[in-house]
Amino acid sequence: MKANICAALLLLFVISGCKDEVMPKPKAMLSLEYPDAKYQELDSDCTFVFDLNRASNLKENEDCSLVLDYPNMKGSIYITYKPVNQNLDTLLIDAQKLSYEHVVKADNILEQPFVNPEDKVYGMFYEVSGNAASQSQFYVTDSTSHFVTGSLYFYAKPNYDSILPAAIYLQKDIRRIMESLRWKK
């Protein structure tokens, strides 16, 4: 009888132990999908216009400072307007200084000049990689009367790997803002 119980237990262990080999799951990237950008021209009393992504919520102040809020991505693009009154050098230095304040946490800052002589829009786009507070900044000017700066910030603590898909999406919006920006006459 003991032999039968031992044989039954042995058979039970053998049957329960015959499972497929356990394999670790492969590493994968988080797949985030955002809607295709649909643009409309900004309608405001400001001295400039540009194409605005309809996915953003616009907050406009009297001094033509704007916040383009993207709640689905937990980020915002902050845009500031300053008139040029023989202070272009100061405005340029301040805009460049803002971009390079992130060099402490950034892995790299890529400068991309922007020139649109037809509409007199000249500027620079800064793409920041790494765990910096802002992933992108830009400025545009006509060199005589108008100066616009912009910065991208997320509501969360910077974690470059996590925010990268949203940062890429919003960087495309910033480039569209720069490319479509026109000064009102």
C-alpha atoms as a PDB file:
ATOM      1  CA  MET A   1       0.000   0.000   0.000  1.00  0.00           C
ATOM      2  CA  LYS A   2       2.864   2.318   0.796  1.00  0.00           C
ATOM      3  CA  ALA A   3       4.300   1.552  -2.609  1.00  0.00           C
ATOM      4  CA  ASN A   4       1.008   2.557  -4.289  1.00  0.00           C
ATOM      5  CA  ILE A   5       0.888   5.872  -2.401  1.00  0.00           C
ATOM      6  CA  CYS A   6       4.546   6.569  -3.234  1.00  0.00           C
ATOM      7  CA  ALA A   7       3.930   5.715  -6.904  1.00  0.00           C
ATOM      8  CA  ALA A   8       0.834   7.943  -7.002  1.00  0.00           C
ATOM      9  CA  LEU A   9       2.703  10.858  -5.416  1.00  0.00           C
ATOM     10  CA  LEU A  10       5.632  10.381  -7.787  1.00  0.00           C
ATOM     11  CA  LEU A  11       3.248  10.317 -10.770  1.00  0.00           C
ATOM     12  CA  LEU A  12       1.524  13.475  -9.475  1.00  0.00           C
ATOM     13  CA  PHE A  13       4.874  15.307  -9.177  1.00  0.00           C
ATOM     14  CA  VAL A  14       5.963  14.207 -12.642  1.00  0.00           C
ATOM     15  CA  ILE A  15       2.684  15.307 -14.255  1.00  0.00           C
ATOM     16  CA  SER A  16       2.568  18.659 -12.452  1.00  0.00           C
ATOM     17  CA  GLY A  17       6.232  19.320 -13.266  1.00  0.00           C
ATOM     18  CA  CYS A  18       5.804  18.805 -17.009  1.00  0.00           C
ATOM     19  CA  LYS A  19       5.069  22.375 -18.062  1.00  0.00           C
ATOM     20  CA  ASP A  20       6.507  24.468 -20.843  1.00  0.00           C
ATOM     21  CA  GLU A  21       9.852  25.979 -20.074  1.00  0.00           C
ATOM     22  CA  VAL A  22       9.551  29.396 -18.448  1.00  0.00           C
ATOM     23  CA  MET A  23      10.999  32.116 -20.677  1.00  0.00           C
ATOM     24  CA  PRO A  24      11.601  35.727 -19.651  1.00  0.00           C
ATOM     25  CA  LYS A  25       9.500  38.287 -21.498  1.00  0.00           C
ATOM     26  CA  PRO A  26      11.405  40.327 -24.067  1.00  0.00           C
ATOM     27  CA  LYS A  27      12.067  43.987 -23.322  1.00  0.00           C
ATOM     28  CA  ALA A  28       9.606  46.296 -25.027  1.00  0.00           C
ATOM     29  CA  MET A  29       9.039  50.002 -25.459  1.00  0.00           C
ATOM     30  CA  LEU A  30       5.883  51.680 -24.285  1.00  0.00           C
ATOM     31  CA  SER A  31       3.713  52.332 -27.317  1.00  0.00           C
ATOM     32  CA  LEU A  32       1.967  55.682 -27.078  1.00  0.00           C
ATOM     33  CA  GLU A  33      -0.107  56.932 -29.939  1.00  0.00           C
ATOM     34  CA  TYR A  34      -1.197  60.516 -30.338  1.00  0.00           C
ATOM     35  CA  PRO A  35      -3.771  61.871 -32.770  1.00  0.00           C
ATOM     36  CA  ASP A  36      -2.644  63.266 -36.101  1.00  0.00           C
ATOM     37  CA  ALA A  37      -2.096  66.986 -35.738  1.00  0.00           C
ATOM     38  CA  LYS A  38      -4.781  69.197 -37.268  1.00  0.00           C
ATOM     39  CA  TYR A  39      -3.919  72.860 -37.492  1.00  0.00           C
ATOM     40  CA  GLN A  40      -5.817  76.121 -37.678  1.00  0.00           C
ATOM     41  CA  GLU A  41      -4.493  79.666 -37.760  1.00  0.00           C
ATOM     42  CA  LEU A  42      -4.257  81.398 -34.384  1.00  0.00           C
ATOM     43  CA  ASP A  43      -6.936  84.066 -34.128  1.00  0.00           C
ATOM     44  CA  SER A  44      -5.788  86.759 -31.696  1.00  0.00           C
ATOM     45  CA  ASP A  45      -4.994  90.439 -31.317  1.00  0.00           C
ATOM     46  CA  CYS A  46      -1.264  89.704 -31.153  1.00  0.00           C
ATOM     47  CA  THR A  47       1.188  91.081 -33.713  1.00  0.00           C
ATOM     48  CA  PHE A  48       1.837  87.592 -35.058  1.00  0.00           C
ATOM     49  CA  VAL A  49      -0.113  84.561 -36.283  1.00  0.00           C
ATOM     50  CA  PHE A  50       0.844  80.904 -36.634  1.00  0.00           C
ATOM     51  CA  ASP A  51      -0.718  77.486 -37.134  1.00  0.00           C
ATOM     52  CA  LEU A  52      -2.093  76.128 -33.876  1.00  0.00           C
ATOM     53  CA  ASN A  53      -2.639  72.416 -33.207  1.00  0.00           C
ATOM     54  CA  ARG A  54      -6.327  71.854 -32.409  1.00  0.00           C
ATOM     55  CA  ALA A  55      -5.321  69.263 -29.789  1.00  0.00           C
ATOM     56  CA  SER A  56      -3.950  72.091 -27.640  1.00  0.00           C
ATOM     57  CA  ASN A  57      -5.891  74.323 -25.267  1.00  0.00           C
ATOM     58  CA  LEU A  58      -4.957  77.962 -25.806  1.00  0.00           C
ATOM     59  CA  LYS A  59      -4.573  80.348 -22.871  1.00  0.00           C
ATOM     60  CA  GLU A  60      -3.857  83.915 -23.969  1.00  0.00           C
ATOM     61  CA  ASN A  61      -2.781  86.867 -21.818  1.00  0.00           C
ATOM     62  CA  GLU A  62      -3.097  90.563 -22.637  1.00  0.00           C
ATOM     63  CA  ASP A  63       0.631  90.925 -23.318  1.00  0.00           C
ATOM     64  CA  CYS A  64       0.460  88.236 -26.057  1.00  0.00           C
ATOM     65  CA  SER A  65       2.077  85.587 -23.907  1.00  0.00           C
ATOM     66  CA  LEU A  66       0.428  82.277 -24.745  1.00  0.00           C
ATOM     67  CA  VAL A  67       0.253  78.832 -23.204  1.00  0.00           C
ATOM     68  CA  LEU A  68      -0.554  75.920 -25.491  1.00  0.00           C
ATOM     69  CA  ASP A  69      -1.610  73.204 -23.069  1.00  0.00           C
ATOM     70  CA  TYR A  70      -1.653  69.524 -24.108  1.00  0.00           C
ATOM     71  CA  PRO A  71      -3.443  67.715 -21.254  1.00  0.00           C
ATOM     72  CA  ASN A  72      -3.177  64.246 -22.868  1.00  0.00           C
ATOM     73  CA  MET A  73       0.620  64.583 -22.917  1.00  0.00           C
ATOM     74  CA  LYS A  74       0.888  66.471 -19.633  1.00  0.00           C
ATOM     75  CA  GLY A  75       2.898  69.218 -21.287  1.00  0.00           C
ATOM     76  CA  SER A  76       2.684  72.836 -22.365  1.00  0.00           C
ATOM     77  CA  ILE A  77       4.385  75.157 -24.826  1.00  0.00           C
ATOM     78  CA  TYR A  78       4.894  78.624 -23.341  1.00  0.00           C
ATOM     79  CA  ILE A  79       5.192  81.468 -25.866  1.00  0.00           C
ATOM     80  CA  THR A  80       6.270  85.013 -25.004  1.00  0.00           C
ATOM     81  CA  TYR A  81       6.242  88.122 -27.198  1.00  0.00           C
ATOM     82  CA  LYS A  82       8.566  91.083 -26.715  1.00  0.00           C
ATOM     83  CA  PRO A  83       8.814  94.182 -28.917  1.00  0.00           C
ATOM     84  CA  VAL A  84      12.296  95.003 -30.186  1.00  0.00           C
ATOM     85  CA  ASN A  85      13.305  98.511 -29.050  1.00  0.00           C
ATOM     86  CA  GLN A  86      17.012  98.650 -29.898  1.00  0.00           C
ATOM     87  CA  ASN A  87      17.465  95.717 -27.488  1.00  0.00           C
ATOM     88  CA  LEU A  88      17.776  92.829 -29.955  1.00  0.00           C
ATOM     89  CA  ASP A  89      21.188  91.816 -28.584  1.00  0.00           C
ATOM     90  CA  THR A  90      19.783  91.542 -25.041  1.00  0.00           C
ATOM     91  CA  LEU A  91      16.751  89.551 -26.218  1.00  0.00           C
ATOM     92  CA  LEU A  92      18.973  87.136 -28.165  1.00  0.00           C
ATOM     93  CA  ILE A  93      21.351  86.646 -25.233  1.00  0.00           C
ATOM     94  CA  ASP A  94      18.435  86.005 -22.850  1.00  0.00           C
ATOM     95  CA  ALA A  95      16.864  83.456 -25.233  1.00  0.00           C
ATOM     96  CA  GLN A  96      20.161  81.636 -25.721  1.00  0.00           C
ATOM     97  CA  LYS A  97      20.915  81.714 -21.991  1.00  0.00           C
ATOM     98  CA  LEU A  98      17.516  80.139 -21.243  1.00  0.00           C
ATOM     99  CA  SER A  99      18.323  77.236 -23.553  1.00  0.00           C
ATOM    100  CA  TYR A 100      21.753  76.634 -22.084  1.00  0.00           C
ATOM    101  CA  GLU A 101      20.564  76.748 -18.462  1.00  0.00           C
ATOM    102  CA  HIS A 102      19.482  73.139 -19.093  1.00  0.00           C
ATOM    103  CA  VAL A 103      23.004  72.004 -19.998  1.00  0.00           C
ATOM    104  CA  VAL A 104      23.558  70.712 -16.428  1.00  0.00           C
ATOM    105  CA  LYS A 105      20.940  67.950 -16.818  1.00  0.00           C
ATOM    106  CA  ALA A 106      20.938  67.672 -20.620  1.00  0.00           C
ATOM    107  CA  ASP A 107      22.864  65.011 -22.506  1.00  0.00           C
ATOM    108  CA  ASN A 108      22.962  67.178 -25.629  1.00  0.00           C
ATOM    109  CA  ILE A 109      21.539  70.439 -26.995  1.00  0.00           C
ATOM    110  CA  LEU A 110      21.143  70.524 -30.756  1.00  0.00           C
ATOM    111  CA  GLU A 111      20.841  73.974 -32.363  1.00  0.00           C
ATOM    112  CA  GLN A 112      18.870  74.221 -35.600  1.00  0.00           C
ATOM    113  CA  PRO A 113      18.790  77.666 -37.279  1.00  0.00           C
ATOM    114  CA  PHE A 114      15.569  78.780 -38.947  1.00  0.00           C
ATOM    115  CA  VAL A 115      15.469  81.282 -41.831  1.00  0.00           C
ATOM    116  CA  ASN A 116      12.384  82.447 -43.744  1.00  0.00           C
ATOM    117  CA  PRO A 117      13.477  85.590 -45.622  1.00  0.00           C
ATOM    118  CA  GLU A 118      10.194  85.834 -47.536  1.00  0.00           C
ATOM    119  CA  ASP A 119       8.223  86.508 -44.326  1.00  0.00           C
ATOM    120  CA  LYS A 120      11.186  88.010 -42.408  1.00  0.00           C
ATOM    121  CA  VAL A 121      11.204  85.305 -39.743  1.00  0.00           C
ATOM    122  CA  TYR A 122      14.602  84.277 -38.407  1.00  0.00           C
ATOM    123  CA  GLY A 123      15.364  82.177 -35.390  1.00  0.00           C
ATOM    124  CA  MET A 124      16.770  79.128 -33.666  1.00  0.00           C
ATOM    125  CA  PHE A 125      15.282  75.840 -32.465  1.00  0.00           C
ATOM    126  CA  TYR A 126      16.994  74.075 -29.551  1.00  0.00           C
ATOM    127  CA  GLU A 127      16.355  70.353 -29.118  1.00  0.00           C
ATOM    128  CA  VAL A 128      17.373  69.166 -25.664  1.00  0.00           C
ATOM    129  CA  SER A 129      17.975  65.477 -24.960  1.00  0.00           C
ATOM    130  CA  GLY A 130      18.300  64.047 -21.481  1.00  0.00           C
ATOM    131  CA  ASN A 131      16.516  64.650 -18.173  1.00  0.00           C
ATOM    132  CA  ALA A 132      16.378  68.436 -18.518  1.00  0.00           C
ATOM    133  CA  ALA A 133      13.382  70.464 -17.332  1.00  0.00           C
ATOM    134  CA  SER A 134      12.586  71.600 -20.892  1.00  0.00           C
ATOM    135  CA  GLN A 135      12.971  69.428 -23.990  1.00  0.00           C
ATOM    136  CA  SER A 136      12.793  72.264 -26.537  1.00  0.00           C
ATOM    137  CA  GLN A 137      13.127  76.010 -26.804  1.00  0.00           C
ATOM    138  CA  PHE A 138      12.989  78.409 -29.719  1.00  0.00           C
ATOM    139  CA  TYR A 139      13.037  82.033 -30.662  1.00  0.00           C
ATOM    140  CA  VAL A 140      12.043  83.893 -33.813  1.00  0.00           C
ATOM    141  CA  THR A 141      12.403  87.548 -34.760  1.00  0.00           C
ATOM    142  CA  ASP A 142      12.177  89.918 -37.708  1.00  0.00           C
ATOM    143  CA  SER A 143      15.344  91.603 -36.323  1.00  0.00           C
ATOM    144  CA  THR A 144      13.731  95.047 -36.138  1.00  0.00           C
ATOM    145  CA  SER A 145      10.362  95.031 -34.333  1.00  0.00           C
ATOM    146  CA  HIS A 146       9.259  91.624 -33.038  1.00  0.00           C
ATOM    147  CA  PHE A 147      10.736  88.870 -30.864  1.00  0.00           C
ATOM    148  CA  VAL A 148       8.965  85.626 -29.858  1.00  0.00           C
ATOM    149  CA  THR A 149      10.371  82.926 -27.575  1.00  0.00           C
ATOM    150  CA  GLY A 150       8.923  79.547 -26.679  1.00  0.00           C
ATOM    151  CA  SER A 151       9.670  76.653 -24.342  1.00  0.00           C
ATOM    152  CA  LEU A 152       8.279  73.154 -23.878  1.00  0.00           C
ATOM    153  CA  TYR A 153       7.713  71.913 -20.330  1.00  0.00           C
ATOM    154  CA  PHE A 154       6.071  68.790 -18.914  1.00  0.00           C
ATOM    155  CA  TYR A 155       4.078  68.678 -15.657  1.00  0.00           C
ATOM    156  CA  ALA A 156       6.075  65.687 -14.392  1.00  0.00           C
ATOM    157  CA  LYS A 157       9.619  65.207 -13.130  1.00  0.00           C
ATOM    158  CA  PRO A 158      11.852  64.841 -16.191  1.00  0.00           C
ATOM    159  CA  ASN A 159      12.422  61.241 -17.230  1.00  0.00           C
ATOM    160  CA  TYR A 160      13.640  61.404 -20.814  1.00  0.00           C
ATOM    161  CA  ASP A 161      12.733  57.814 -21.719  1.00  0.00           C
ATOM    162  CA  SER A 162       9.144  58.243 -20.526  1.00  0.00           C
ATOM    163  CA  ILE A 163       8.422  61.634 -22.090  1.00  0.00           C
ATOM    164  CA  LEU A 164      10.279  61.059 -25.366  1.00  0.00           C
ATOM    165  CA  PRO A 165       7.196  60.167 -27.497  1.00  0.00           C
ATOM    166  CA  ALA A 166       5.322  63.263 -26.279  1.00  0.00           C
ATOM    167  CA  ALA A 167       8.452  65.427 -26.643  1.00  0.00           C
ATOM    168  CA  ILE A 168       8.856  64.354 -30.285  1.00  0.00           C
ATOM    169  CA  TYR A 169       5.168  65.104 -30.998  1.00  0.00           C
ATOM    170  CA  LEU A 170       5.383  68.553 -29.400  1.00  0.00           C
ATOM    171  CA  GLN A 171       8.703  69.359 -31.093  1.00  0.00           C
ATOM    172  CA  LYS A 172       6.927  68.861 -34.423  1.00  0.00           C
ATOM    173  CA  ASP A 173       4.304  71.365 -33.269  1.00  0.00           C
ATOM    174  CA  ILE A 174       7.016  73.852 -32.332  1.00  0.00           C
ATOM    175  CA  ARG A 175       8.595  73.491 -35.764  1.00  0.00           C
ATOM    176  CA  ARG A 176       5.167  74.056 -37.342  1.00  0.00           C
ATOM    177  CA  ILE A 177       4.739  77.202 -35.209  1.00  0.00           C
ATOM    178  CA  MET A 178       8.106  78.501 -36.413  1.00  0.00           C
ATOM    179  CA  GLU A 179       7.462  77.620 -40.064  1.00  0.00           C
ATOM    180  CA  SER A 180       3.973  79.154 -40.148  1.00  0.00           C
ATOM    181  CA  LEU A 181       4.639  82.256 -38.022  1.00  0.00           C
ATOM    182  CA  ARG A 182       3.883  85.532 -39.806  1.00  0.00           C
ATOM    183  CA  TRP A 183       4.039  89.123 -38.572  1.00  0.00           C
ATOM    184  CA  LYS A 184       0.856  91.144 -38.889  1.00  0.00           C
ATOM    185  CA  LYS A 185       1.182  94.380 -40.812  1.00  0.00           C
END
